[in-house]
Amino acid sequence: MEHTLREGTRVWVRPIDRDDKAALSAGLGELSDLSVYRRFLTPKPSFSASELRYLTEVDGRDHVAFVAEDVRGRLVAVGRWVRLADDPSTAEAAIVVADHLQGLGLGSLLADLLARRAVCQDVRRFTATMLSDNPPAHRLMARLATHLDRRHAGWGADEMVVDLAA
């Protein structure tokens, strides 16, 4: 699906594919240290082979992921959810957007797609662990919520539980 962001940049959003391993690695290398830290809560210079398999070889049922590509075919955003084994109505969600496209609606677009897919697959809530001082991520999760619980998880992180709209 083609989308035009607020300032006119065009992106294409599609499900992640097993062939996205190299592009995903390249995208990680282009993120600022702050964006990497906000996404992974730790420095992350690269992905291991097993992480790349996990991140790109998803089943579309219990692990759903979308990517956004720019006009040059570079991955500029990734959003995913993974269903919790002990609570199939809940999934852990995460989104990362390239620094130069943050604040232009791409994260919101991915969040909406993820939430719609989740509800269609009987996921009723998202959980997310994020830095306490990451207001954009908090706003992104709150916009999906019919109800939101937030608790301090320690070490500067918050655990959020978002009840999704039906």
C-alpha atoms as a PDB file:
ATOM      1  CA  MET A   1       0.000   0.000   0.000  1.00  0.00           C
ATOM      2  CA  GLU A   2       1.303   3.420  -0.905  1.00  0.00           C
ATOM      3  CA  HIS A   3       0.971   6.244   1.633  1.00  0.00           C
ATOM      4  CA  THR A   4       1.948   9.888   1.584  1.00  0.00           C
ATOM      5  CA  LEU A   5       3.261  11.268   4.874  1.00  0.00           C
ATOM      6  CA  ARG A   6       2.434  14.735   6.224  1.00  0.00           C
ATOM      7  CA  GLU A   7       5.244  16.548   4.420  1.00  0.00           C
ATOM      8  CA  GLY A   8       4.791  14.666   1.155  1.00  0.00           C
ATOM      9  CA  THR A   9       7.195  11.737   1.427  1.00  0.00           C
ATOM     10  CA  ARG A  10       5.796   8.595  -0.188  1.00  0.00           C
ATOM     11  CA  VAL A  11       6.260   5.216   1.470  1.00  0.00           C
ATOM     12  CA  TRP A  12       5.049   1.726   0.688  1.00  0.00           C
ATOM     13  CA  VAL A  13       3.843  -0.443   3.538  1.00  0.00           C
ATOM     14  CA  ARG A  14       3.802  -4.222   3.247  1.00  0.00           C
ATOM     15  CA  PRO A  15       4.236  -7.315   5.406  1.00  0.00           C
ATOM     16  CA  ILE A  16       7.830  -8.104   6.295  1.00  0.00           C
ATOM     17  CA  ASP A  17       9.435 -10.852   4.244  1.00  0.00           C
ATOM     18  CA  ARG A  18      12.186 -13.380   4.920  1.00  0.00           C
ATOM     19  CA  ASP A  19      14.218 -11.628   2.194  1.00  0.00           C
ATOM     20  CA  ASP A  20      14.303  -8.392   4.260  1.00  0.00           C
ATOM     21  CA  LYS A  21      17.222  -9.511   6.449  1.00  0.00           C
ATOM     22  CA  ALA A  22      19.885  -7.354   4.753  1.00  0.00           C
ATOM     23  CA  ALA A  23      17.570  -4.336   4.532  1.00  0.00           C
ATOM     24  CA  LEU A  24      16.640  -4.698   8.206  1.00  0.00           C
ATOM     25  CA  SER A  25      20.316  -4.810   9.178  1.00  0.00           C
ATOM     26  CA  ALA A  26      21.050  -1.764   7.036  1.00  0.00           C
ATOM     27  CA  GLY A  27      18.131   0.099   8.592  1.00  0.00           C
ATOM     28  CA  LEU A  28      19.419  -0.569  12.096  1.00  0.00           C
ATOM     29  CA  GLY A  29      22.764   0.897  11.077  1.00  0.00           C
ATOM     30  CA  GLU A  30      21.093   4.100   9.887  1.00  0.00           C
ATOM     31  CA  LEU A  31      19.206   4.774  13.132  1.00  0.00           C
ATOM     32  CA  SER A  32      20.627   7.237  15.628  1.00  0.00           C
ATOM     33  CA  ASP A  33      21.916   5.880  18.925  1.00  0.00           C
ATOM     34  CA  LEU A  34      18.892   7.453  20.646  1.00  0.00           C
ATOM     35  CA  SER A  35      16.389   5.779  18.310  1.00  0.00           C
ATOM     36  CA  VAL A  36      18.094   2.415  18.764  1.00  0.00           C
ATOM     37  CA  TYR A  37      18.088   2.854  22.537  1.00  0.00           C
ATOM     38  CA  ARG A  38      14.433   3.888  22.546  1.00  0.00           C
ATOM     39  CA  ARG A  39      13.481   0.792  20.540  1.00  0.00           C
ATOM     40  CA  PHE A  40      15.664  -1.854  22.208  1.00  0.00           C
ATOM     41  CA  LEU A  41      16.310  -0.214  25.613  1.00  0.00           C
ATOM     42  CA  THR A  42      19.992  -0.979  25.139  1.00  0.00           C
ATOM     43  CA  PRO A  43      22.680  -0.255  22.559  1.00  0.00           C
ATOM     44  CA  LYS A  44      22.259  -2.605  19.582  1.00  0.00           C
ATOM     45  CA  PRO A  45      24.990  -2.309  16.958  1.00  0.00           C
ATOM     46  CA  SER A  46      23.792  -5.252  14.861  1.00  0.00           C
ATOM     47  CA  PHE A  47      21.441  -8.220  14.675  1.00  0.00           C
ATOM     48  CA  SER A  48      22.610 -11.817  14.997  1.00  0.00           C
ATOM     49  CA  ALA A  49      21.599 -14.357  12.351  1.00  0.00           C
ATOM     50  CA  SER A  50      19.043 -15.869  14.724  1.00  0.00           C
ATOM     51  CA  GLU A  51      17.567 -12.438  15.515  1.00  0.00           C
ATOM     52  CA  LEU A  52      17.230 -11.707  11.797  1.00  0.00           C
ATOM     53  CA  ARG A  53      15.416 -15.013  11.280  1.00  0.00           C
ATOM     54  CA  TYR A  54      13.082 -14.245  14.189  1.00  0.00           C
ATOM     55  CA  LEU A  55      12.408 -10.702  12.982  1.00  0.00           C
ATOM     56  CA  THR A  56      11.783 -11.540   9.311  1.00  0.00           C
ATOM     57  CA  GLU A  57      10.381 -15.067   9.245  1.00  0.00           C
ATOM     58  CA  VAL A  58       7.021 -14.355  10.854  1.00  0.00           C
ATOM     59  CA  ASP A  59       3.911 -16.513  10.633  1.00  0.00           C
ATOM     60  CA  GLY A  60       1.334 -13.734  10.166  1.00  0.00           C
ATOM     61  CA  ARG A  61      -0.837 -15.217  12.906  1.00  0.00           C
ATOM     62  CA  ASP A  62       1.084 -15.065  16.190  1.00  0.00           C
ATOM     63  CA  HIS A  63       3.850 -12.782  14.921  1.00  0.00           C
ATOM     64  CA  VAL A  64       2.822  -9.988  12.557  1.00  0.00           C
ATOM     65  CA  ALA A  65       5.197  -7.372  11.154  1.00  0.00           C
ATOM     66  CA  PHE A  66       4.900  -4.594   8.592  1.00  0.00           C
ATOM     67  CA  VAL A  67       7.681  -2.577   7.005  1.00  0.00           C
ATOM     68  CA  ALA A  68       7.637   0.773   5.237  1.00  0.00           C
ATOM     69  CA  GLU A  69       9.966   1.368   2.297  1.00  0.00           C
ATOM     70  CA  ASP A  70      10.980   4.683   0.775  1.00  0.00           C
ATOM     71  CA  VAL A  71      11.169   5.382  -2.970  1.00  0.00           C
ATOM     72  CA  ARG A  72      14.680   3.870  -3.066  1.00  0.00           C
ATOM     73  CA  GLY A  73      13.477   0.621  -1.511  1.00  0.00           C
ATOM     74  CA  ARG A  74      15.139   1.229   1.873  1.00  0.00           C
ATOM     75  CA  LEU A  75      13.281   0.076   4.977  1.00  0.00           C
ATOM     76  CA  VAL A  76      12.397   3.211   6.922  1.00  0.00           C
ATOM     77  CA  ALA A  77      10.057   1.759   9.556  1.00  0.00           C
ATOM     78  CA  VAL A  78       9.062  -1.523  11.134  1.00  0.00           C
ATOM     79  CA  GLY A  79       6.068  -2.304  13.303  1.00  0.00           C
ATOM     80  CA  ARG A  80       5.273  -5.674  14.813  1.00  0.00           C
ATOM     81  CA  TRP A  81       3.337  -7.546  17.419  1.00  0.00           C
ATOM     82  CA  VAL A  82       3.979 -10.965  18.901  1.00  0.00           C
ATOM     83  CA  ARG A  83       1.188 -12.852  20.637  1.00  0.00           C
ATOM     84  CA  LEU A  84       1.961 -13.896  24.212  1.00  0.00           C
ATOM     85  CA  ALA A  85       2.028 -17.671  24.618  1.00  0.00           C
ATOM     86  CA  ASP A  86       0.439 -17.529  28.090  1.00  0.00           C
ATOM     87  CA  ASP A  87      -2.280 -15.027  27.071  1.00  0.00           C
ATOM     88  CA  PRO A  88      -3.290 -15.363  23.398  1.00  0.00           C
ATOM     89  CA  SER A  89      -5.518 -12.282  23.585  1.00  0.00           C
ATOM     90  CA  THR A  90      -2.456 -10.110  24.305  1.00  0.00           C
ATOM     91  CA  ALA A  91       0.496  -9.253  22.090  1.00  0.00           C
ATOM     92  CA  GLU A  92       3.701  -7.336  22.676  1.00  0.00           C
ATOM     93  CA  ALA A  93       3.957  -4.474  20.179  1.00  0.00           C
ATOM     94  CA  ALA A  94       6.919  -2.435  18.954  1.00  0.00           C
ATOM     95  CA  ILE A  95       7.473   0.202  16.280  1.00  0.00           C
ATOM     96  CA  VAL A  96      10.598   1.973  15.055  1.00  0.00           C
ATOM     97  CA  VAL A  97      10.752   4.747  12.467  1.00  0.00           C
ATOM     98  CA  ALA A  98      13.840   6.154  10.745  1.00  0.00           C
ATOM     99  CA  ASP A  99      14.992   9.372  12.387  1.00  0.00           C
ATOM    100  CA  HIS A 100      14.324  11.612   9.368  1.00  0.00           C
ATOM    101  CA  LEU A 101      10.680  10.433   9.190  1.00  0.00           C
ATOM    102  CA  GLN A 102       9.792  10.607  12.879  1.00  0.00           C
ATOM    103  CA  GLY A 103       6.856  12.864  13.719  1.00  0.00           C
ATOM    104  CA  LEU A 104       5.308  12.649  10.237  1.00  0.00           C
ATOM    105  CA  GLY A 105       2.604  10.062  10.959  1.00  0.00           C
ATOM    106  CA  LEU A 106       4.407   6.895   9.878  1.00  0.00           C
ATOM    107  CA  GLY A 107       4.424   5.421  13.389  1.00  0.00           C
ATOM    108  CA  SER A 108       0.699   6.154  13.689  1.00  0.00           C
ATOM    109  CA  LEU A 109       0.049   4.514  10.342  1.00  0.00           C
ATOM    110  CA  LEU A 110       1.887   1.354  11.409  1.00  0.00           C
ATOM    111  CA  ALA A 111       0.196   1.356  14.825  1.00  0.00           C
ATOM    112  CA  ASP A 112      -3.233   1.530  13.194  1.00  0.00           C
ATOM    113  CA  LEU A 113      -2.401  -1.306  10.774  1.00  0.00           C
ATOM    114  CA  LEU A 114      -1.059  -3.451  13.595  1.00  0.00           C
ATOM    115  CA  ALA A 115      -4.096  -2.790  15.792  1.00  0.00           C
ATOM    116  CA  ARG A 116      -6.556  -3.598  13.001  1.00  0.00           C
ATOM    117  CA  ARG A 117      -4.764  -6.855  12.200  1.00  0.00           C
ATOM    118  CA  ALA A 118      -4.590  -7.727  15.892  1.00  0.00           C
ATOM    119  CA  VAL A 119      -8.319  -7.261  16.459  1.00  0.00           C
ATOM    120  CA  CYS A 120      -9.073  -9.388  13.373  1.00  0.00           C
ATOM    121  CA  GLN A 121      -6.935 -12.143  14.895  1.00  0.00           C
ATOM    122  CA  ASP A 122      -8.525 -12.017  18.371  1.00  0.00           C
ATOM    123  CA  VAL A 123      -5.803  -9.948  20.032  1.00  0.00           C
ATOM    124  CA  ARG A 124      -7.558  -7.539  22.387  1.00  0.00           C
ATOM    125  CA  ARG A 125      -4.620  -5.740  23.994  1.00  0.00           C
ATOM    126  CA  PHE A 126      -1.062  -4.696  23.339  1.00  0.00           C
ATOM    127  CA  THR A 127       1.727  -4.528  25.857  1.00  0.00           C
ATOM    128  CA  ALA A 128       4.842  -2.466  25.324  1.00  0.00           C
ATOM    129  CA  THR A 129       7.917  -1.680  27.351  1.00  0.00           C
ATOM    130  CA  MET A 130       9.308   1.761  26.630  1.00  0.00           C
ATOM    131  CA  LEU A 131      11.490   4.399  28.167  1.00  0.00           C
ATOM    132  CA  SER A 132       9.660   6.627  30.621  1.00  0.00           C
ATOM    133  CA  ASP A 133      11.108   9.664  28.843  1.00  0.00           C
ATOM    134  CA  ASN A 134       9.852   8.704  25.367  1.00  0.00           C
ATOM    135  CA  PRO A 135       6.689  10.826  24.999  1.00  0.00           C
ATOM    136  CA  PRO A 136       6.162  10.055  21.290  1.00  0.00           C
ATOM    137  CA  ALA A 137       5.970   6.315  22.018  1.00  0.00           C
ATOM    138  CA  HIS A 138       3.589   6.906  24.922  1.00  0.00           C
ATOM    139  CA  ARG A 139       1.317   9.064  22.717  1.00  0.00           C
ATOM    140  CA  LEU A 140       1.411   6.455  19.963  1.00  0.00           C
ATOM    141  CA  MET A 141       0.199   3.707  22.272  1.00  0.00           C
ATOM    142  CA  ALA A 142      -2.377   5.952  23.947  1.00  0.00           C
ATOM    143  CA  ARG A 143      -4.003   6.805  20.608  1.00  0.00           C
ATOM    144  CA  LEU A 144      -4.870   3.116  20.113  1.00  0.00           C
ATOM    145  CA  ALA A 145      -6.383   2.666  23.538  1.00  0.00           C
ATOM    146  CA  THR A 146      -9.907   2.348  24.772  1.00  0.00           C
ATOM    147  CA  HIS A 147      -8.193   1.841  28.133  1.00  0.00           C
ATOM    148  CA  LEU A 148      -4.539   2.280  29.062  1.00  0.00           C
ATOM    149  CA  ASP A 149      -2.590   1.070  32.080  1.00  0.00           C
ATOM    150  CA  ARG A 150       0.897   2.402  32.669  1.00  0.00           C
ATOM    151  CA  ARG A 151       3.237   1.308  35.408  1.00  0.00           C
ATOM    152  CA  HIS A 152       6.838   2.094  36.116  1.00  0.00           C
ATOM    153  CA  ALA A 153       8.897  -1.025  35.412  1.00  0.00           C
ATOM    154  CA  GLY A 154      12.174   0.266  36.861  1.00  0.00           C
ATOM    155  CA  TRP A 155      15.418   1.340  35.228  1.00  0.00           C
ATOM    156  CA  GLY A 156      13.707   4.260  33.493  1.00  0.00           C
ATOM    157  CA  ALA A 157      11.165   2.102  31.671  1.00  0.00           C
ATOM    158  CA  ASP A 158       7.379   1.918  31.705  1.00  0.00           C
ATOM    159  CA  GLU A 159       5.197  -1.064  30.973  1.00  0.00           C
ATOM    160  CA  MET A 160       2.038  -0.139  29.107  1.00  0.00           C
ATOM    161  CA  VAL A 161      -1.045  -2.246  28.529  1.00  0.00           C
ATOM    162  CA  VAL A 162      -3.402  -0.938  25.868  1.00  0.00           C
ATOM    163  CA  ASP A 163      -6.932  -2.282  25.398  1.00  0.00           C
ATOM    164  CA  LEU A 164      -7.631  -2.059  21.662  1.00  0.00           C
ATOM    165  CA  ALA A 165     -10.823  -0.727  20.159  1.00  0.00           C
ATOM    166  CA  ALA A 166     -12.945  -3.438  18.571  1.00  0.00           C
END
